């Protein structure tokens, strides 16, 4: 077994603040992890210029949470492996230039961003085996983002880790289709067919832990007869429904193929962007960034954040130049800021604030597409808006005496929150159902949630506690729910008794 020297916390960095990180590197453009909220606990280490690691690069092994973020303002060359992880909270590693490694082994919840090209002599592997489904959120899973090209022998992504590539890697991609922005060539079953048998679990599926351990120690992972040649790909697009446009685009594809064999056009449904130096567009972006700093930064000046978000949205009018992403960020942040001011409950002395929150939340949800793809950064933001803004809208509608509208809002949020990690949204659903007199449905949802809550939380009397919207403790303790649950258990026992 061959294992290279492991390097932790390489010297030569200096620490920068959130504001400088955003102004110089626009971290939030690629990193979903809300790193500014953890600025007191996590340094941002900046390496000016290129960084060369004579060995493998990894965080300190005794840490489950990496207590720093890294920015390399140049190329990062690692003679061994990039072995980056963070298991209980997020962290980010951003390379402004190119990243060169043997293997890229990514585990848990780190955001790894390569603004240039990724060059690997081996395998790019991402997984999150320690992901806690009970307490997860879309933003919790790790992600690799490569803006340039990617060269490797094999790319493997296992759910819930995510990968996004600016250009499709011209190598075999294996893993979960919903977690990478280009269709994989092999699913998990196909991956099992090219891995050595010793790297599979008892269920016959690939064991990410075994695979990563083998990569670290330079042991073989692939069968001798494994064919890593990517299949011929059909790059034809779906029709737009406009015959003339389709004809022109098909002709463009033919010209590209004839003049540049092996190349193809990537046509995505994205909004046209005005020039990057357009003053109106930049003004909106600056206002949103300033508001984010006020809301999530050290100052925590919520009122000034509200003002900046409102000024940004005032510029987002028909005919004006602005980025849809910035507009959606402004709505998302404004709803969050107003909710903090209100403290989770409509203020009878300030009904205009509640009305403003509801109006902005509805506008944010109106901007969302019918279908959201969470493997892209834009789709990730859209999912967060539907989830968090939809839940806030339901809560404030409920407490404003409009449970029917609240039910519509919470069901919209739950449309992308179907796994147990979003049971905190079901807390709102339970309250809404009770307000509508649909007690049996509310108790059924409560019982379903209880079945997934860890026993240590139940023992402590905490059932999905949320900092703003409360929990289910009072409902669980109520005589009505206890009687309902006892009756249901009795029905279940009778149903399971042999005749």
Protein backbone atom coordinates (compact mmCIF):
# COMPACT_ATOMS: atom_id res chain seq x y z
CA UNK A 1 0.00 0.00 0.00
CA UNK A 2 1.26 3.43 -0.88
CA UNK A 3 0.01 6.47 0.98
CA UNK A 4 1.43 9.94 0.47
CA UNK A 5 2.29 12.35 3.25
CA UNK A 6 -0.80 14.11 4.59
CA UNK A 7 -0.64 17.91 4.92
CA UNK A 8 -3.04 19.76 7.23
CA UNK A 9 -3.40 23.54 7.45
CA UNK A 10 -0.55 24.46 5.07
CA UNK A 11 1.24 27.68 6.09
CA UNK A 12 1.29 30.90 4.11
CA UNK A 13 -2.27 32.12 4.58
CA UNK A 14 -3.78 35.21 6.15
CA UNK A 15 -7.31 35.53 7.48
CA UNK A 16 -9.90 37.73 5.74
CA UNK A 17 -13.44 38.71 6.69
CA UNK A 18 -16.77 37.91 5.08
CA UNK A 19 -17.04 41.29 3.38
CA UNK A 20 -13.62 41.02 1.71
CA UNK A 21 -14.32 37.43 0.69
CA UNK A 22 -17.54 38.47 -1.03
CA UNK A 23 -16.11 41.59 -2.65
CA UNK A 24 -13.02 39.85 -4.03
CA UNK A 25 -14.27 36.32 -4.73
CA UNK A 26 -18.10 36.41 -4.75
CA UNK A 27 -18.17 33.29 -2.58
CA UNK A 28 -21.97 33.14 -2.40
CA UNK A 29 -22.22 32.82 -6.18
CA UNK A 30 -20.97 29.22 -5.88
CA UNK A 31 -21.32 28.29 -2.22
CA UNK A 32 -24.78 27.55 -0.82
CA UNK A 33 -23.45 26.99 2.71
CA UNK A 34 -24.29 30.13 4.77
CA UNK A 35 -20.70 30.60 5.87
CA UNK A 36 -21.25 34.20 7.00
CA UNK A 37 -23.46 32.94 9.83
CA UNK A 38 -20.49 30.97 11.23
CA UNK A 39 -17.85 33.68 10.80
CA UNK A 40 -17.22 33.78 14.56
CA UNK A 41 -16.29 30.08 14.55
CA UNK A 42 -14.71 29.61 11.13
CA UNK A 43 -11.82 31.67 9.76
CA UNK A 44 -11.54 32.35 6.05
CA UNK A 45 -7.93 31.56 5.14
CA UNK A 46 -6.65 33.23 1.98
CA UNK A 47 -3.59 31.95 0.10
CA UNK A 48 -2.37 34.64 -2.30
CA UNK A 49 -1.14 33.19 -5.59
CA UNK A 50 -0.51 29.54 -6.45
CA UNK A 51 -0.30 26.88 -3.74
CA UNK A 52 1.69 23.64 -4.10
CA UNK A 53 1.21 20.74 -1.68
CA UNK A 54 3.99 18.13 -1.60
CA UNK A 55 1.70 15.31 -0.51
CA UNK A 56 -2.04 14.99 0.08
CA UNK A 57 -4.19 17.81 1.45
CA UNK A 58 -6.85 17.21 4.10
CA UNK A 59 -8.38 18.89 7.16
CA UNK A 60 -7.24 17.83 10.60
CA UNK A 61 -8.48 14.23 11.05
CA UNK A 62 -9.82 14.72 14.57
CA UNK A 63 -12.30 17.35 13.39
CA UNK A 64 -15.80 16.43 12.26
CA UNK A 65 -16.33 20.08 11.39
CA UNK A 66 -13.54 21.98 9.65
CA UNK A 67 -13.12 25.18 11.65
CA UNK A 68 -11.87 27.21 8.69
CA UNK A 69 -12.62 27.88 5.04
CA UNK A 70 -9.92 28.13 2.34
CA UNK A 71 -9.50 30.39 -0.68
CA UNK A 72 -6.58 29.87 -3.08
CA UNK A 73 -6.22 32.94 -5.29
CA UNK A 74 -4.40 31.01 -8.01
CA UNK A 75 -3.80 27.37 -8.94
CA UNK A 76 -3.82 24.59 -6.32
CA UNK A 77 -1.50 21.68 -7.16
CA UNK A 78 -1.64 18.66 -4.86
CA UNK A 79 0.93 15.95 -5.58
CA UNK A 80 -1.25 13.42 -3.80
CA UNK A 81 -4.99 13.50 -3.12
CA UNK A 82 -7.36 16.28 -2.20
CA UNK A 83 -9.10 14.51 0.69
CA UNK A 84 -11.60 17.09 1.83
CA UNK A 85 -14.46 16.51 4.26
CA UNK A 86 -16.74 18.10 6.83
CA UNK A 87 -19.30 15.89 8.49
CA UNK A 88 -21.52 17.87 10.86
CA UNK A 89 -21.57 21.36 9.32
CA UNK A 90 -20.41 22.96 6.10
CA UNK A 91 -17.11 24.44 5.00
CA UNK A 92 -15.80 25.64 1.67
CA UNK A 93 -12.59 25.35 -0.35
CA UNK A 94 -12.47 27.73 -3.31
CA UNK A 95 -9.74 27.61 -5.96
CA UNK A 96 -9.74 30.69 -8.17
CA UNK A 97 -7.54 28.98 -10.77
CA UNK A 98 -7.00 25.32 -11.70
CA UNK A 99 -6.96 22.33 -9.38
CA UNK A 100 -4.51 19.48 -10.06
CA UNK A 101 -4.68 16.30 -7.96
CA UNK A 102 -4.22 12.55 -8.09
CA UNK A 103 -7.65 11.69 -6.65
CA UNK A 104 -10.30 14.16 -5.45
CA UNK A 105 -11.94 12.45 -2.46
CA UNK A 106 -14.82 14.54 -1.12
CA UNK A 107 -16.86 13.40 1.85
CA UNK A 108 -19.71 14.90 3.85
CA UNK A 109 -20.78 18.52 3.50
CA UNK A 110 -17.95 20.59 2.05
CA UNK A 111 -18.46 22.99 -0.85
CA UNK A 112 -15.44 22.62 -3.16
CA UNK A 113 -15.36 25.21 -5.94
CA UNK A 114 -12.92 25.26 -8.86
CA UNK A 115 -13.27 28.38 -10.98
CA UNK A 116 -10.78 27.03 -13.54
CA UNK A 117 -10.17 23.43 -14.66
CA UNK A 118 -10.02 20.25 -12.61
CA UNK A 119 -7.23 17.88 -13.64
CA UNK A 120 -7.14 14.49 -11.91
CA UNK A 121 -4.95 11.53 -12.77
CA UNK A 122 -7.38 9.23 -11.03
CA UNK A 123 -10.91 9.32 -9.64
CA UNK A 124 -13.16 12.21 -8.62
CA UNK A 125 -15.35 10.76 -5.85
CA UNK A 126 -18.04 12.51 -3.80
CA UNK A 127 -20.21 10.97 -1.08
CA UNK A 128 -21.93 11.80 2.20
CA UNK A 129 -22.38 8.60 4.17
CA UNK A 130 -22.81 10.43 7.50
CA UNK A 131 -25.67 12.59 6.20
CA UNK A 132 -28.35 12.81 8.92
CA UNK A 133 -31.71 12.51 7.19
CA UNK A 134 -33.57 13.51 10.34
CA UNK A 135 -32.05 16.94 10.56
CA UNK A 136 -30.98 17.60 6.99
CA UNK A 137 -31.69 20.45 4.63
CA UNK A 138 -31.00 20.84 0.94
CA UNK A 139 -28.06 23.09 1.74
CA UNK A 140 -26.48 20.50 4.05
CA UNK A 141 -25.15 18.12 1.42
CA UNK A 142 -21.70 18.69 -0.02
CA UNK A 143 -21.08 19.86 -3.56
CA UNK A 144 -18.26 20.02 -6.10
CA UNK A 145 -18.54 22.88 -8.59
CA UNK A 146 -16.17 23.11 -11.56
CA UNK A 147 -16.58 26.10 -13.85
CA UNK A 148 -14.03 24.99 -16.45
CA UNK A 149 -13.27 21.57 -17.91
CA UNK A 150 -12.75 18.34 -15.98
CA UNK A 151 -10.23 15.62 -16.80
CA UNK A 152 -10.12 12.36 -14.81
CA UNK A 153 -10.31 8.60 -15.28
CA UNK A 154 -13.70 8.31 -13.57
CA UNK A 155 -16.24 10.56 -11.83
CA UNK A 156 -18.40 9.02 -9.07
CA UNK A 157 -21.16 10.84 -7.19
CA UNK A 158 -23.36 9.15 -4.60
CA UNK A 159 -26.45 10.74 -3.10
CA UNK A 160 -26.83 13.09 -1.32
CA UNK A 161 -23.50 14.61 -2.46
CA UNK A 162 -23.85 16.87 -5.53
CA UNK A 163 -21.65 17.82 -8.47
CA UNK A 164 -22.00 20.56 -11.04
CA UNK A 165 -19.75 20.94 -14.08
CA UNK A 166 -19.59 23.89 -16.46
CA UNK A 167 -18.76 21.52 -19.32
CA UNK A 168 -19.58 17.85 -19.29
CA UNK A 169 -16.52 15.84 -18.23
CA UNK A 170 -15.38 13.75 -21.19
CA UNK A 171 -15.01 10.72 -18.91
CA UNK A 172 -17.32 8.09 -17.53
CA UNK A 173 -19.75 9.51 -14.92
CA UNK A 174 -21.27 7.05 -12.47
CA UNK A 175 -23.82 7.60 -9.74
CA UNK A 176 -27.10 9.25 -8.84
CA UNK A 177 -28.74 11.05 -11.77
CA UNK A 178 -30.51 13.58 -9.55
CA UNK A 179 -27.22 14.75 -7.98
CA UNK A 180 -25.17 15.75 -11.04
CA UNK A 181 -26.04 18.30 -13.69
CA UNK A 182 -25.09 16.00 -16.59
CA UNK A 183 -26.74 12.59 -17.07
CA UNK A 184 -24.49 9.85 -15.68
CA UNK A 185 -23.34 6.99 -17.90
CA UNK A 186 -23.75 4.40 -15.13
CA UNK A 187 -26.14 4.12 -12.20
CA UNK A 188 -25.13 2.43 -8.95
CA UNK A 189 -25.84 -0.98 -10.44
CA UNK A 190 -23.56 -0.27 -13.37
CA UNK A 191 -20.87 1.06 -11.03
CA UNK A 192 -21.00 -2.20 -9.07
CA UNK A 193 -20.14 -3.99 -12.30
CA UNK A 194 -16.80 -2.20 -12.75
CA UNK A 195 -15.64 -2.07 -9.09
CA UNK A 196 -13.70 -4.86 -7.45
CA UNK A 197 -16.00 -7.20 -5.45
CA UNK A 198 -14.28 -6.32 -2.17
CA UNK A 199 -15.49 -2.71 -2.49
CA UNK A 200 -19.16 -3.69 -2.48
CA UNK A 201 -21.40 -3.90 0.56
CA UNK A 202 -23.48 -6.88 1.64
CA UNK A 203 -26.31 -5.60 -0.54
CA UNK A 204 -24.08 -5.72 -3.61
CA UNK A 205 -23.99 -1.92 -3.92
CA UNK A 206 -20.79 0.16 -3.91
CA UNK A 207 -19.53 0.97 -0.41
CA UNK A 208 -18.24 4.59 -0.61
CA UNK A 209 -16.14 4.20 2.54
CA UNK A 210 -14.31 1.18 1.15
CA UNK A 211 -13.81 2.88 -2.21
CA UNK A 212 -12.37 6.03 -0.64
CA UNK A 213 -10.06 4.06 1.67
CA UNK A 214 -8.73 2.16 -1.35
CA UNK A 215 -8.10 5.39 -3.24
CA UNK A 216 -6.22 6.90 -0.30
CA UNK A 217 -3.89 3.93 -0.05
CA UNK A 218 -3.40 3.68 -3.81
CA UNK A 219 -5.03 0.24 -4.01
CA UNK A 220 -6.88 -0.75 -7.19
CA UNK A 221 -10.60 -0.13 -7.22
CA UNK A 222 -11.56 -1.25 -10.74
CA UNK A 223 -11.90 -4.71 -12.22
CA UNK A 224 -9.21 -5.59 -14.75
CA UNK A 225 -11.79 -5.74 -17.54
CA UNK A 226 -13.52 -2.47 -16.59
CA UNK A 227 -14.22 -0.34 -19.65
CA UNK A 228 -14.03 3.37 -18.76
CA UNK A 229 -14.67 4.55 -22.29
CA UNK A 230 -17.60 6.98 -22.20
CA UNK A 231 -20.43 5.85 -24.47
CA UNK A 232 -21.22 7.86 -27.58
CA UNK A 233 -23.55 10.60 -26.43
CA UNK A 234 -26.51 11.96 -28.28
CA UNK A 235 -26.31 15.71 -27.89
CA UNK A 236 -29.52 16.41 -29.79
CA UNK A 237 -31.78 18.72 -27.89
CA UNK A 238 -35.49 18.62 -27.28
CA UNK A 239 -37.55 20.72 -29.65
CA UNK A 240 -38.58 24.19 -28.54
CA UNK A 241 -41.97 24.03 -30.23
CA UNK A 242 -40.95 26.74 -32.72
CA UNK A 243 -40.07 25.08 -36.09
CA UNK A 244 -37.98 27.96 -37.45
CA UNK A 245 -35.97 28.28 -34.23
CA UNK A 246 -35.46 24.50 -34.08
CA UNK A 247 -34.23 24.48 -37.68
CA UNK A 248 -31.70 27.25 -36.97
CA UNK A 249 -30.44 25.58 -33.80
CA UNK A 250 -30.11 22.20 -35.52
CA UNK A 251 -28.08 23.84 -38.26
CA UNK A 252 -25.87 25.45 -35.60
CA UNK A 253 -25.27 22.03 -34.07
CA UNK A 254 -24.24 20.65 -37.47
CA UNK A 255 -21.78 23.50 -38.08
CA UNK A 256 -20.15 22.99 -34.68
CA UNK A 257 -19.82 19.24 -35.25
CA UNK A 258 -18.34 19.71 -38.72
CA UNK A 259 -15.81 22.35 -37.70
CA UNK A 260 -14.95 21.03 -34.22
CA UNK A 261 -15.32 17.23 -34.07
CA UNK A 262 -16.27 16.02 -30.62
CA UNK A 263 -17.63 19.42 -29.55
CA UNK A 264 -21.28 20.28 -29.10
CA UNK A 265 -23.48 23.17 -28.12
CA UNK A 266 -24.87 23.30 -24.59
CA UNK A 267 -28.31 24.92 -24.72
CA UNK A 268 -29.91 25.58 -21.37
CA UNK A 269 -33.06 27.38 -20.37
CA UNK A 270 -31.48 30.40 -18.69
CA UNK A 271 -32.55 34.01 -18.69
CA UNK A 272 -30.47 36.35 -20.88
CA UNK A 273 -28.00 38.39 -18.89
CA UNK A 274 -27.21 42.02 -19.52
CA UNK A 275 -23.61 43.10 -19.70
CA UNK A 276 -21.70 42.45 -16.48
CA UNK A 277 -20.76 46.13 -16.22
CA UNK A 278 -24.34 47.37 -16.70
CA UNK A 279 -24.75 49.95 -13.90
CA UNK A 280 -28.37 49.05 -13.10
CA UNK A 281 -27.61 45.34 -12.86
CA UNK A 282 -24.57 46.01 -10.69
CA UNK A 283 -26.52 48.34 -8.43
CA UNK A 284 -29.10 45.62 -7.71
CA UNK A 285 -26.35 43.11 -7.00
CA UNK A 286 -24.47 45.49 -4.68
CA UNK A 287 -27.65 46.24 -2.74
CA UNK A 288 -28.44 42.55 -2.30
CA UNK A 289 -24.90 41.79 -1.16
CA UNK A 290 -24.98 44.68 1.29
CA UNK A 291 -28.31 43.47 2.64
CA UNK A 292 -26.99 39.90 3.02
CA UNK A 293 -24.03 41.24 4.98
CA UNK A 294 -26.36 43.19 7.27
CA UNK A 295 -28.67 40.21 7.81
CA UNK A 296 -26.17 37.36 8.08
CA UNK A 297 -22.93 39.15 8.97
CA UNK A 298 -21.48 40.24 12.28
CA UNK A 299 -23.56 43.43 12.56
CA UNK A 300 -26.92 41.60 12.35
CA UNK A 301 -28.61 44.90 11.44
CA UNK A 302 -31.96 43.52 10.35
CA UNK A 303 -33.68 46.87 9.78
CA UNK A 304 -30.93 48.12 7.46
CA UNK A 305 -31.11 44.79 5.62
CA UNK A 306 -34.84 45.33 5.05
CA UNK A 307 -34.13 48.77 3.61
CA UNK A 308 -31.41 47.49 1.25
CA UNK A 309 -33.50 44.54 0.03
CA UNK A 310 -36.44 46.88 -0.62
CA UNK A 311 -34.21 49.29 -2.57
CA UNK A 312 -32.93 46.42 -4.70
CA UNK A 313 -36.43 45.19 -5.48
CA UNK A 314 -37.54 48.71 -6.37
CA UNK A 315 -35.01 48.57 -9.23
CA UNK A 316 -36.32 45.23 -10.53
CA UNK A 317 -39.06 46.62 -12.77
CA UNK A 318 -40.08 45.70 -16.33
CA UNK A 319 -37.55 47.01 -18.84
CA UNK A 320 -34.77 47.35 -16.26
CA UNK A 321 -31.56 45.32 -16.36
CA UNK A 322 -31.16 43.01 -13.40
CA UNK A 323 -30.31 39.38 -12.70
CA UNK A 324 -33.24 37.10 -11.83
CA UNK A 325 -31.04 35.41 -9.24
CA UNK A 326 -30.47 38.71 -7.41
CA UNK A 327 -34.18 39.51 -7.47
CA UNK A 328 -35.06 36.13 -5.96
CA UNK A 329 -32.30 36.51 -3.35
CA UNK A 330 -33.75 39.90 -2.38
CA UNK A 331 -37.24 38.48 -1.86
CA UNK A 332 -35.86 35.52 0.08
CA UNK A 333 -33.76 37.74 2.35
CA UNK A 334 -36.51 40.31 2.84
CA UNK A 335 -38.99 37.67 4.03
CA UNK A 336 -36.36 36.29 6.41
CA UNK A 337 -35.56 39.77 7.76
CA UNK A 338 -39.22 40.70 8.30
CA UNK A 339 -39.82 37.39 10.04
CA UNK A 340 -36.95 38.11 12.42
CA UNK A 341 -38.43 41.50 13.23
CA UNK A 342 -41.85 39.98 13.88
CA UNK A 343 -40.36 37.14 15.92
CA UNK A 344 -42.56 34.46 14.34
CA UNK A 345 -45.92 35.98 15.29
CA UNK A 346 -47.94 38.78 13.66
CA UNK A 347 -47.71 41.95 15.74
CA UNK A 348 -51.21 43.40 16.31
CA UNK A 349 -49.65 46.84 16.69
CA UNK A 350 -47.89 46.56 13.31
CA UNK A 351 -50.23 44.73 10.94
CA UNK A 352 -48.56 46.41 7.97
CA UNK A 353 -45.37 44.41 8.61
CA UNK A 354 -47.21 41.11 8.46
CA UNK A 355 -49.04 42.19 5.31
CA UNK A 356 -45.71 43.21 3.77
CA UNK A 357 -44.12 39.87 4.61
CA UNK A 358 -47.04 37.94 3.12
CA UNK A 359 -46.99 40.05 -0.04
CA UNK A 360 -43.25 39.59 -0.62
CA UNK A 361 -43.43 35.86 0.14
CA UNK A 362 -46.17 35.40 -2.44
CA UNK A 363 -44.18 37.38 -5.00
CA UNK A 364 -41.10 35.22 -4.36
CA UNK A 365 -43.08 32.01 -4.84
CA UNK A 366 -44.69 33.39 -8.00
CA UNK A 367 -41.22 33.73 -9.57
CA UNK A 368 -40.43 30.02 -9.15
CA UNK A 369 -40.61 27.65 -12.13
CA UNK A 370 -42.94 24.66 -12.11
CA UNK A 371 -39.98 22.28 -12.08
CA UNK A 372 -36.89 22.84 -9.91
CA UNK A 373 -33.59 21.06 -10.52
CA UNK A 374 -31.53 21.21 -7.32
CA UNK A 375 -28.27 20.17 -8.99
CA UNK A 376 -27.75 23.74 -10.24
CA UNK A 377 -27.00 26.75 -8.04
CA UNK A 378 -30.07 28.56 -9.35
CA UNK A 379 -32.24 25.51 -8.70
CA UNK A 380 -30.79 25.22 -5.21
CA UNK A 381 -31.85 28.81 -4.43
CA UNK A 382 -35.29 28.17 -5.90
CA UNK A 383 -35.69 25.12 -3.67
CA UNK A 384 -34.71 27.12 -0.60
CA UNK A 385 -37.27 29.80 -1.48
CA UNK A 386 -40.05 27.27 -1.98
CA UNK A 387 -39.16 25.53 1.27
CA UNK A 388 -38.38 28.35 3.70
CA UNK A 389 -40.40 31.20 2.20
CA UNK A 390 -43.36 28.87 1.61
CA UNK A 391 -43.25 27.73 5.22
CA UNK A 392 -43.03 31.32 6.52
CA UNK A 393 -45.94 32.35 4.31
CA UNK A 394 -48.06 29.51 5.67
CA UNK A 395 -47.19 30.39 9.26
CA UNK A 396 -48.07 34.06 8.98
CA UNK A 397 -51.24 33.39 7.00
CA UNK A 398 -52.29 30.95 9.72
CA UNK A 399 -51.73 33.50 12.46
CA UNK A 400 -53.51 36.14 10.39
CA UNK A 401 -56.69 34.07 10.41
CA UNK A 402 -56.36 32.59 6.91
CA UNK A 403 -55.81 28.84 7.42
CA UNK A 404 -57.12 27.86 3.97
CA UNK A 405 -54.48 29.98 2.21
CA UNK A 406 -51.93 28.76 4.76
CA UNK A 407 -52.68 25.15 3.81
CA UNK A 408 -52.03 25.92 0.13
CA UNK A 409 -48.69 27.53 1.02
CA UNK A 410 -47.47 24.73 3.27
CA UNK A 411 -48.46 22.09 0.72
CA UNK A 412 -46.42 23.97 -1.85
CA UNK A 413 -43.41 23.88 0.50
CA UNK A 414 -43.93 20.18 1.16
CA UNK A 415 -43.93 19.45 -2.57
CA UNK A 416 -40.12 19.42 -2.41
CA UNK A 417 -39.86 18.37 1.24
CA UNK A 418 -40.96 14.77 1.03
CA UNK A 419 -38.18 13.26 3.14
CA UNK A 420 -37.94 13.25 6.96
CA UNK A 421 -35.30 15.98 6.93
CA UNK A 422 -38.08 18.52 6.41
CA UNK A 423 -40.37 17.44 9.23
CA UNK A 424 -40.06 20.95 10.65
CA UNK A 425 -42.30 22.06 7.77
CA UNK A 426 -44.82 19.45 8.92
CA UNK A 427 -44.95 21.26 12.25
CA UNK A 428 -46.58 24.12 10.37
CA UNK A 429 -48.79 21.68 8.48
CA UNK A 430 -50.06 20.21 11.76
CA UNK A 431 -50.94 23.66 13.14
CA UNK A 432 -52.78 24.57 9.95
CA UNK A 433 -54.77 21.32 9.90
CA UNK A 434 -55.79 21.80 13.52
CA UNK A 435 -56.96 25.34 12.76
CA UNK A 436 -59.11 23.94 9.95
CA UNK A 437 -60.66 21.39 12.29
CA UNK A 438 -59.00 18.48 10.47
CA UNK A 439 -57.81 16.96 13.73
CA UNK A 440 -57.43 13.36 12.58
CA UNK A 441 -55.17 14.41 9.70
CA UNK A 442 -53.13 16.63 12.03
CA UNK A 443 -52.66 13.80 14.53
CA UNK A 444 -51.68 11.39 11.77
CA UNK A 445 -48.93 13.76 10.60
CA UNK A 446 -47.81 14.27 14.21
CA UNK A 447 -47.64 10.52 14.76
CA UNK A 448 -45.66 10.08 11.55
CA UNK A 449 -43.18 12.75 12.67
CA UNK A 450 -42.81 11.20 16.13
CA UNK A 451 -41.90 7.86 14.59
CA UNK A 452 -38.80 9.51 13.07
CA UNK A 453 -37.65 11.70 15.96
CA UNK A 454 -34.57 10.33 17.79
CA UNK A 455 -35.39 8.95 21.23
CA UNK A 456 -32.92 11.29 22.94
CA UNK A 457 -34.92 14.28 21.72
CA UNK A 458 -38.18 12.79 22.93
CA UNK A 459 -36.63 12.09 26.33
CA UNK A 460 -35.52 15.72 26.52
CA UNK A 461 -39.05 16.87 25.68
CA UNK A 462 -37.95 18.45 22.40
CA UNK A 463 -39.86 17.54 19.24
CA UNK A 464 -38.49 19.31 16.17
CA UNK A 465 -37.90 22.60 17.90
CA UNK A 466 -37.50 25.55 15.55
CA UNK A 467 -36.02 28.88 16.62
CA UNK A 468 -38.95 30.83 15.14
CA UNK A 469 -41.91 28.54 14.62
CA UNK A 470 -41.89 26.41 17.75
CA UNK A 471 -42.38 22.65 17.96
CA UNK A 472 -44.96 19.91 18.58
CA UNK A 473 -44.32 19.42 22.29
CA UNK A 474 -47.68 20.81 23.42
CA UNK A 475 -49.62 18.73 20.90
CA UNK A 476 -47.79 15.53 21.84
CA UNK A 477 -48.56 16.17 25.52
CA UNK A 478 -52.24 16.96 24.93
CA UNK A 479 -54.89 14.53 26.15
CA UNK A 480 -56.58 14.64 22.75
CA UNK A 481 -53.53 13.38 20.92
CA UNK A 482 -52.72 10.79 23.58
CA UNK A 483 -56.25 9.38 23.40
CA UNK A 484 -56.15 9.37 19.61
CA UNK A 485 -52.81 7.58 19.59
CA UNK A 486 -53.91 4.99 22.14
CA UNK A 487 -57.05 4.27 20.09
CA UNK A 488 -55.01 3.93 16.91
CA UNK A 489 -52.56 1.54 18.56
CA UNK A 490 -55.52 -0.52 19.70
CA UNK A 491 -56.89 -0.65 16.14
CA UNK A 492 -53.50 -1.67 14.80
CA UNK A 493 -53.14 -4.45 17.37
CA UNK A 494 -56.63 -5.79 16.58
CA UNK A 495 -55.82 -5.72 12.89
CA UNK A 496 -52.65 -7.75 13.44
CA UNK A 497 -54.35 -10.40 15.66
CA UNK A 498 -54.97 -13.66 13.77
CA UNK A 499 -58.64 -14.60 13.37
